[in-house]
Amino acid sequence: MKDVKVDKHLGNDDSVSPLNKLEQRIFENIKKSMEEIRAHQRGEIKLRDARELLNEL
């Protein structure tokens, strides 16, 4: 389901100025993270918790 409110804040509205390169990179990282969360919610992937990540280091 698409969230129109989010679209307006993410540059899909003509009144919003374009993102600079840093903002684009941040946006892409957040977008990728949200896609991973959705995949996890659908049961397609398993996410690691912070403890698992720290144990790996």
C-alpha atoms as a PDB file:
ATOM      1  CA  MET A   1       0.000   0.000   0.000  1.00  0.00           C
ATOM      2  CA  LYS A   2       1.359   3.403  -0.939  1.00  0.00           C
ATOM      3  CA  ASP A   3       1.351   6.216   1.608  1.00  0.00           C
ATOM      4  CA  VAL A   4       0.527   9.501  -0.126  1.00  0.00           C
ATOM      5  CA  LYS A   5       1.686  11.531   2.874  1.00  0.00           C
ATOM      6  CA  VAL A   6       5.113   9.885   2.669  1.00  0.00           C
ATOM      7  CA  ASP A   7       5.283  10.493  -1.086  1.00  0.00           C
ATOM      8  CA  LYS A   8       4.749  14.222  -0.584  1.00  0.00           C
ATOM      9  CA  HIS A   9       7.627  14.362   1.903  1.00  0.00           C
ATOM     10  CA  LEU A  10       9.904  12.260  -0.268  1.00  0.00           C
ATOM     11  CA  GLY A  11       9.928  14.511  -3.300  1.00  0.00           C
ATOM     12  CA  ASN A  12       6.962  13.196  -5.246  1.00  0.00           C
ATOM     13  CA  ASP A  13       5.301  16.592  -4.962  1.00  0.00           C
ATOM     14  CA  ASP A  14       6.195  19.471  -7.286  1.00  0.00           C
ATOM     15  CA  SER A  15       6.556  21.928  -4.395  1.00  0.00           C
ATOM     16  CA  VAL A  16       9.501  19.996  -2.879  1.00  0.00           C
ATOM     17  CA  SER A  17      13.047  20.901  -3.942  1.00  0.00           C
ATOM     18  CA  PRO A  18      15.339  18.158  -5.323  1.00  0.00           C
ATOM     19  CA  LEU A  19      17.642  16.255  -2.976  1.00  0.00           C
ATOM     20  CA  ASN A  20      21.376  16.851  -2.986  1.00  0.00           C
ATOM     21  CA  LYS A  21      23.779  13.859  -3.288  1.00  0.00           C
ATOM     22  CA  LEU A  22      24.055  13.281   0.464  1.00  0.00           C
ATOM     23  CA  GLU A  23      20.287  13.446   0.897  1.00  0.00           C
ATOM     24  CA  GLN A  24      19.841  11.047  -2.025  1.00  0.00           C
ATOM     25  CA  ARG A  25      22.241   8.549  -0.445  1.00  0.00           C
ATOM     26  CA  ILE A  26      20.467   8.813   2.918  1.00  0.00           C
ATOM     27  CA  PHE A  27      17.087   8.425   1.210  1.00  0.00           C
ATOM     28  CA  GLU A  28      18.250   5.315  -0.678  1.00  0.00           C
ATOM     29  CA  ASN A  29      19.590   3.764   2.548  1.00  0.00           C
ATOM     30  CA  ILE A  30      16.307   4.410   4.351  1.00  0.00           C
ATOM     31  CA  LYS A  31      14.344   3.096   1.375  1.00  0.00           C
ATOM     32  CA  LYS A  32      16.429  -0.114   1.319  1.00  0.00           C
ATOM     33  CA  SER A  33      15.942  -0.547   5.062  1.00  0.00           C
ATOM     34  CA  MET A  34      12.184  -0.144   4.723  1.00  0.00           C
ATOM     35  CA  GLU A  35      12.130  -2.751   1.937  1.00  0.00           C
ATOM     36  CA  GLU A  36      14.021  -5.164   4.209  1.00  0.00           C
ATOM     37  CA  ILE A  37      11.571  -4.523   7.058  1.00  0.00           C
ATOM     38  CA  ARG A  38       8.625  -5.225   4.743  1.00  0.00           C
ATOM     39  CA  ALA A  39      10.278  -8.441   3.520  1.00  0.00           C
ATOM     40  CA  HIS A  40      10.802  -9.466   7.153  1.00  0.00           C
ATOM     41  CA  GLN A  41       7.150  -8.731   7.971  1.00  0.00           C
ATOM     42  CA  ARG A  42       6.094 -10.920   5.036  1.00  0.00           C
ATOM     43  CA  GLY A  43       8.311 -13.711   6.416  1.00  0.00           C
ATOM     44  CA  GLU A  44      10.678 -13.639   3.436  1.00  0.00           C
ATOM     45  CA  ILE A  45      13.841 -12.838   5.412  1.00  0.00           C
ATOM     46  CA  LYS A  46      15.034 -12.971   9.013  1.00  0.00           C
ATOM     47  CA  LEU A  47      16.598  -9.835  10.438  1.00  0.00           C
ATOM     48  CA  ARG A  48      19.430  -9.898  12.962  1.00  0.00           C
ATOM     49  CA  ASP A  49      19.058  -8.128  16.258  1.00  0.00           C
ATOM     50  CA  ALA A  50      21.741  -5.839  17.701  1.00  0.00           C
ATOM     51  CA  ARG A  51      23.109  -8.599  19.957  1.00  0.00           C
ATOM     52  CA  GLU A  52      23.747 -10.869  16.944  1.00  0.00           C
ATOM     53  CA  LEU A  53      25.488  -8.034  15.144  1.00  0.00           C
ATOM     54  CA  LEU A  54      27.720  -7.239  18.131  1.00  0.00           C
ATOM     55  CA  ASN A  55      28.580 -10.935  18.599  1.00  0.00           C
ATOM     56  CA  GLU A  56      29.721 -11.039  14.983  1.00  0.00           C
ATOM     57  CA  LEU A  57      32.152  -8.168  15.595  1.00  0.00           C
END
